[in-house]
N, C-alpha and C. Protein backbone atom coordinates (compact mmCIF):
# COMPACT_ATOMS: atom_id res chain seq x y z
N MET A 1 206.69 109.18 144.38
CA MET A 1 205.69 109.74 143.49
C MET A 1 204.31 109.63 144.13
N ALA A 2 203.50 110.66 143.97
CA ALA A 2 202.19 110.69 144.59
C ALA A 2 201.24 109.73 143.89
N ARG A 3 200.34 109.15 144.67
CA ARG A 3 199.36 108.21 144.14
C ARG A 3 198.16 108.99 143.61
N VAL A 4 197.71 108.62 142.42
CA VAL A 4 196.57 109.30 141.81
C VAL A 4 195.34 108.44 142.01
N LYS A 5 194.31 109.06 142.57
CA LYS A 5 193.04 108.36 142.73
C LYS A 5 192.12 108.78 141.58
N GLY A 6 191.32 107.86 141.10
CA GLY A 6 190.50 108.14 139.91
C GLY A 6 189.06 108.48 140.23
N ALA A 7 188.80 109.00 141.42
CA ALA A 7 187.42 109.20 141.83
C ALA A 7 186.66 110.16 140.92
N MET A 8 187.30 111.26 140.56
CA MET A 8 186.60 112.28 139.78
C MET A 8 186.24 111.77 138.38
N MET A 9 187.19 111.14 137.71
CA MET A 9 186.93 110.64 136.36
C MET A 9 185.94 109.47 136.39
N THR A 10 186.03 108.64 137.42
CA THR A 10 185.09 107.52 137.56
C THR A 10 183.67 108.05 137.72
N ARG A 11 183.52 109.06 138.57
CA ARG A 11 182.20 109.66 138.80
C ARG A 11 181.67 110.29 137.51
N LYS A 12 182.54 110.98 136.76
CA LYS A 12 182.12 111.60 135.50
C LYS A 12 181.63 110.55 134.51
N ARG A 13 182.41 109.46 134.42
CA ARG A 13 182.05 108.38 133.49
C ARG A 13 180.72 107.76 133.88
N ARG A 14 180.55 107.52 135.17
CA ARG A 14 179.29 106.92 135.64
C ARG A 14 178.12 107.86 135.43
N ASN A 15 178.32 109.13 135.69
CA ASN A 15 177.23 110.11 135.49
C ASN A 15 176.83 110.22 134.03
N LYS A 16 177.83 110.08 133.14
CA LYS A 16 177.54 110.14 131.70
C LYS A 16 176.62 108.98 131.31
N THR A 17 176.93 107.79 131.80
CA THR A 17 176.11 106.61 131.52
C THR A 17 174.73 106.75 132.14
N LEU A 18 174.67 107.24 133.38
CA LEU A 18 173.38 107.40 134.06
C LEU A 18 172.53 108.47 133.37
N LYS A 19 173.17 109.49 132.80
CA LYS A 19 172.43 110.51 132.08
C LYS A 19 171.79 109.91 130.82
N LEU A 20 172.51 109.02 130.15
CA LEU A 20 171.96 108.36 128.96
C LEU A 20 170.79 107.45 129.33
N ALA A 21 170.82 106.91 130.56
CA ALA A 21 169.78 105.98 131.00
C ALA A 21 168.69 106.68 131.80
N LYS A 22 168.60 108.00 131.69
CA LYS A 22 167.73 108.80 132.54
C LYS A 22 166.25 108.37 132.51
N SER A 23 165.73 108.09 131.33
CA SER A 23 164.30 107.80 131.23
C SER A 23 163.96 106.32 131.31
N TYR A 24 164.95 105.49 131.61
CA TYR A 24 164.70 104.06 131.67
C TYR A 24 163.89 103.71 132.90
N TRP A 25 163.19 102.59 132.82
CA TRP A 25 162.25 102.17 133.87
C TRP A 25 162.98 101.48 135.01
N GLY A 26 162.56 101.78 136.24
CA GLY A 26 163.06 101.07 137.41
C GLY A 26 164.51 101.39 137.73
N SER A 27 165.21 100.38 138.24
CA SER A 27 166.58 100.60 138.70
C SER A 27 167.58 100.73 137.56
N LYS A 28 167.13 100.52 136.33
CA LYS A 28 168.02 100.71 135.18
C LYS A 28 168.42 102.18 135.03
N SER A 29 167.62 103.06 135.60
CA SER A 29 167.94 104.48 135.48
C SER A 29 168.74 105.00 136.67
N THR A 30 168.85 104.22 137.75
CA THR A 30 169.55 104.69 138.95
C THR A 30 170.79 103.88 139.30
N HIS A 31 170.78 102.60 139.05
CA HIS A 31 171.93 101.75 139.39
C HIS A 31 172.88 101.67 138.21
N PHE A 32 174.14 101.98 138.46
CA PHE A 32 175.12 102.08 137.39
C PHE A 32 175.29 100.78 136.62
N LYS A 33 175.38 99.68 137.35
CA LYS A 33 175.63 98.39 136.70
C LYS A 33 174.51 98.04 135.71
N MET A 34 173.28 98.23 136.12
CA MET A 34 172.15 97.93 135.24
C MET A 34 172.03 98.97 134.12
N ALA A 35 172.32 100.21 134.47
CA ALA A 35 172.25 101.28 133.47
C ALA A 35 173.27 101.05 132.36
N LYS A 36 174.46 100.60 132.74
CA LYS A 36 175.52 100.34 131.77
C LYS A 36 175.09 99.28 130.76
N GLN A 37 174.47 98.22 131.26
CA GLN A 37 173.99 97.15 130.38
C GLN A 37 172.88 97.65 129.46
N ALA A 38 171.95 98.42 130.04
CA ALA A 38 170.81 98.91 129.26
C ALA A 38 171.25 99.90 128.19
N VAL A 39 172.20 100.77 128.52
CA VAL A 39 172.69 101.75 127.55
C VAL A 39 173.43 101.04 126.42
N LYS A 40 174.22 100.03 126.77
CA LYS A 40 174.95 99.27 125.76
C LYS A 40 173.97 98.57 124.80
N LYS A 41 172.94 97.97 125.36
CA LYS A 41 171.94 97.27 124.56
C LYS A 41 171.17 98.25 123.67
N SER A 42 170.83 99.42 124.22
CA SER A 42 170.09 100.39 123.43
C SER A 42 170.94 100.94 122.29
N ALA A 43 172.26 101.03 122.51
CA ALA A 43 173.16 101.46 121.43
C ALA A 43 173.17 100.44 120.30
N VAL A 44 173.11 99.16 120.65
CA VAL A 44 173.05 98.11 119.64
C VAL A 44 171.74 98.21 118.85
N TYR A 45 170.64 98.43 119.57
CA TYR A 45 169.34 98.59 118.90
C TYR A 45 169.35 99.81 117.98
N ALA A 46 169.96 100.90 118.44
CA ALA A 46 170.00 102.12 117.64
C ALA A 46 170.81 101.90 116.36
N TYR A 47 171.94 101.20 116.49
CA TYR A 47 172.79 100.91 115.33
C TYR A 47 172.01 100.06 114.32
N THR A 48 171.37 99.01 114.82
CA THR A 48 170.57 98.14 113.95
C THR A 48 169.43 98.92 113.31
N GLY A 49 168.81 99.78 114.09
CA GLY A 49 167.68 100.58 113.59
C GLY A 49 168.07 101.50 112.46
N ARG A 50 169.27 102.05 112.54
CA ARG A 50 169.73 102.93 111.46
C ARG A 50 169.91 102.17 110.16
N LYS A 51 170.31 100.91 110.26
CA LYS A 51 170.45 100.08 109.05
C LYS A 51 169.07 99.67 108.52
N LEU A 52 168.17 99.29 109.43
CA LEU A 52 166.83 98.86 109.03
C LEU A 52 166.02 99.99 108.41
N LYS A 53 166.27 101.21 108.87
CA LYS A 53 165.54 102.38 108.36
C LYS A 53 165.74 102.52 106.85
N LYS A 54 166.97 102.34 106.41
CA LYS A 54 167.27 102.44 104.98
C LYS A 54 166.53 101.37 104.19
N ARG A 55 166.52 100.15 104.74
CA ARG A 55 165.84 99.01 104.12
C ARG A 55 164.34 99.27 104.01
N ASP A 56 163.76 99.75 105.13
CA ASP A 56 162.31 99.98 105.18
C ASP A 56 161.87 101.07 104.22
N PHE A 57 162.65 102.15 104.15
CA PHE A 57 162.28 103.24 103.23
C PHE A 57 162.37 102.79 101.78
N ARG A 58 163.40 102.03 101.45
CA ARG A 58 163.52 101.53 100.07
C ARG A 58 162.32 100.66 99.72
N ARG A 59 161.91 99.80 100.66
CA ARG A 59 160.74 98.95 100.43
C ARG A 59 159.48 99.78 100.23
N LEU A 60 159.34 100.86 101.01
CA LEU A 60 158.19 101.75 100.90
C LEU A 60 158.16 102.43 99.53
N TRP A 61 159.32 102.95 99.10
CA TRP A 61 159.37 103.62 97.80
C TRP A 61 159.02 102.67 96.67
N ILE A 62 159.52 101.44 96.75
CA ILE A 62 159.23 100.45 95.70
C ILE A 62 157.74 100.13 95.67
N THR A 63 157.13 100.01 96.84
CA THR A 63 155.70 99.73 96.92
C THR A 63 154.89 100.87 96.32
N ARG A 64 155.28 102.09 96.62
CA ARG A 64 154.58 103.26 96.07
C ARG A 64 154.70 103.33 94.55
N ILE A 65 155.90 103.08 94.04
CA ILE A 65 156.11 103.12 92.59
C ILE A 65 155.29 102.01 91.92
N SER A 66 155.31 100.85 92.52
CA SER A 66 154.55 99.72 91.99
C SER A 66 153.06 100.02 91.93
N ALA A 67 152.55 100.64 93.01
CA ALA A 67 151.12 100.99 93.04
C ALA A 67 150.79 102.07 92.02
N ALA A 68 151.75 102.95 91.72
CA ALA A 68 151.50 104.03 90.77
C ALA A 68 151.54 103.56 89.32
N VAL A 69 152.39 102.57 89.00
CA VAL A 69 152.50 102.13 87.60
C VAL A 69 151.45 101.08 87.24
N LYS A 70 150.87 100.43 88.22
CA LYS A 70 149.88 99.39 87.95
C LYS A 70 148.69 99.91 87.14
N PRO A 71 148.06 101.05 87.52
CA PRO A 71 146.94 101.55 86.71
C PRO A 71 147.35 102.01 85.31
N LEU A 72 148.63 102.26 85.11
CA LEU A 72 149.12 102.71 83.81
C LEU A 72 149.54 101.53 82.92
N GLY A 73 149.24 100.32 83.36
CA GLY A 73 149.44 99.13 82.54
C GLY A 73 150.84 98.54 82.57
N MET A 74 151.54 98.70 83.67
CA MET A 74 152.89 98.12 83.80
C MET A 74 153.05 97.56 85.20
N ASN A 75 154.09 96.77 85.36
CA ASN A 75 154.45 96.41 86.73
C ASN A 75 155.80 97.05 87.06
N TYR A 76 156.21 96.95 88.30
CA TYR A 76 157.39 97.66 88.80
C TYR A 76 158.66 97.28 88.06
N SER A 77 158.90 95.97 87.93
CA SER A 77 160.18 95.53 87.35
C SER A 77 160.28 95.92 85.87
N THR A 78 159.17 95.84 85.14
CA THR A 78 159.17 96.23 83.73
C THR A 78 159.41 97.73 83.60
N PHE A 79 158.78 98.49 84.50
CA PHE A 79 158.95 99.94 84.50
C PHE A 79 160.41 100.34 84.75
N MET A 80 161.03 99.73 85.74
CA MET A 80 162.42 100.06 86.07
C MET A 80 163.36 99.64 84.93
N ASN A 81 163.06 98.50 84.31
CA ASN A 81 163.85 98.04 83.17
C ASN A 81 163.71 99.02 82.01
N GLY A 82 162.49 99.48 81.77
CA GLY A 82 162.25 100.46 80.70
C GLY A 82 162.97 101.77 80.94
N LEU A 83 162.97 102.23 82.20
CA LEU A 83 163.68 103.47 82.53
C LEU A 83 165.18 103.32 82.27
N LYS A 84 165.71 102.15 82.64
CA LYS A 84 167.14 101.91 82.46
C LYS A 84 167.49 101.92 80.97
N LYS A 85 166.64 101.27 80.16
CA LYS A 85 166.90 101.22 78.72
C LYS A 85 166.70 102.57 78.05
N ALA A 86 165.82 103.41 78.63
CA ALA A 86 165.58 104.75 78.09
C ALA A 86 166.69 105.71 78.50
N GLY A 87 167.55 105.28 79.41
CA GLY A 87 168.65 106.13 79.86
C GLY A 87 168.24 107.14 80.91
N ILE A 88 167.11 106.88 81.57
CA ILE A 88 166.62 107.78 82.63
C ILE A 88 167.10 107.22 83.96
N GLU A 89 167.97 107.96 84.61
CA GLU A 89 168.49 107.52 85.90
C GLU A 89 167.90 108.37 87.00
N MET A 90 166.90 107.83 87.66
CA MET A 90 166.29 108.51 88.81
C MET A 90 166.24 107.53 89.95
N ASN A 91 166.46 108.02 91.16
CA ASN A 91 166.40 107.11 92.31
C ASN A 91 164.95 106.85 92.71
N ARG A 92 164.76 105.81 93.48
CA ARG A 92 163.42 105.37 93.84
C ARG A 92 162.69 106.37 94.72
N LYS A 93 163.44 107.09 95.54
CA LYS A 93 162.82 108.09 96.41
C LYS A 93 162.15 109.19 95.58
N SER A 94 162.88 109.74 94.62
CA SER A 94 162.31 110.81 93.81
C SER A 94 161.20 110.29 92.90
N LEU A 95 161.32 109.04 92.44
CA LEU A 95 160.24 108.46 91.63
C LEU A 95 158.96 108.32 92.44
N SER A 96 159.09 107.88 93.69
CA SER A 96 157.89 107.71 94.51
C SER A 96 157.27 109.07 94.86
N GLU A 97 158.11 110.08 95.11
CA GLU A 97 157.59 111.43 95.38
C GLU A 97 156.88 111.98 94.14
N MET A 98 157.44 111.71 92.97
CA MET A 98 156.83 112.17 91.73
C MET A 98 155.49 111.46 91.51
N ALA A 99 155.43 110.18 91.83
CA ALA A 99 154.20 109.41 91.66
C ALA A 99 153.08 109.96 92.56
N ILE A 100 153.45 110.46 93.73
CA ILE A 100 152.45 110.98 94.67
C ILE A 100 152.02 112.40 94.29
N HIS A 101 153.01 113.28 94.03
CA HIS A 101 152.72 114.70 93.89
C HIS A 101 152.56 115.19 92.46
N ASP A 102 153.19 114.54 91.50
CA ASP A 102 153.14 115.00 90.11
C ASP A 102 152.83 113.82 89.19
N SER A 103 151.57 113.42 89.17
CA SER A 103 151.19 112.22 88.44
C SER A 103 151.29 112.38 86.92
N VAL A 104 151.15 113.61 86.43
CA VAL A 104 151.26 113.86 84.98
C VAL A 104 152.69 113.58 84.50
N ALA A 105 153.66 114.11 85.20
CA ALA A 105 155.06 113.88 84.83
C ALA A 105 155.44 112.41 85.01
N PHE A 106 154.86 111.77 86.02
CA PHE A 106 155.13 110.35 86.24
C PHE A 106 154.57 109.51 85.10
N ALA A 107 153.38 109.89 84.61
CA ALA A 107 152.78 109.18 83.48
C ALA A 107 153.66 109.32 82.23
N LYS A 108 154.30 110.48 82.06
CA LYS A 108 155.23 110.67 80.93
C LYS A 108 156.45 109.76 81.06
N LEU A 109 156.92 109.59 82.29
CA LEU A 109 158.04 108.66 82.53
C LEU A 109 157.64 107.23 82.17
N VAL A 110 156.41 106.86 82.54
CA VAL A 110 155.92 105.52 82.22
C VAL A 110 155.85 105.33 80.71
N ASP A 111 155.37 106.37 80.00
CA ASP A 111 155.33 106.30 78.53
C ASP A 111 156.73 106.17 77.93
N ALA A 112 157.68 106.89 78.49
CA ALA A 112 159.07 106.80 78.01
C ALA A 112 159.63 105.40 78.26
N ALA A 113 159.28 104.82 79.39
CA ALA A 113 159.74 103.47 79.71
C ALA A 113 159.11 102.44 78.77
N LYS A 114 157.82 102.65 78.43
CA LYS A 114 157.14 101.74 77.49
C LYS A 114 157.76 101.85 76.10
N ALA A 115 158.09 103.07 75.70
CA ALA A 115 158.67 103.28 74.38
C ALA A 115 160.06 102.64 74.27
N ALA A 116 160.80 102.62 75.35
CA ALA A 116 162.15 102.06 75.33
C ALA A 116 162.14 100.53 75.26
N LEU A 117 161.03 99.91 75.65
CA LEU A 117 160.97 98.45 75.64
C LEU A 117 160.58 97.87 74.32
């Protein structure tokens, strides 16, 4: 049986990794061994970043809602509790967008939350 050499597939695999490491600084972009480590590490950072992004946006929305209800005489936790008791189910993203762009409708939501408490 003929012996199969893996040169072509090895080169393809290495080129794929080097392509991912194209903009890296120094020999991390040219040497396969260093590029492999850097690409692996950057994939870990990217994975973690995707999880942190969700956390950070939720924190931002909560801060915006809190800042919007404060002048209307409530705090964030009381407002969310009032909405829950009033049977209004809206996510924090849409509430924060409403607080920024449609303050009249947001004020009505705050009144509904106050009435439910």
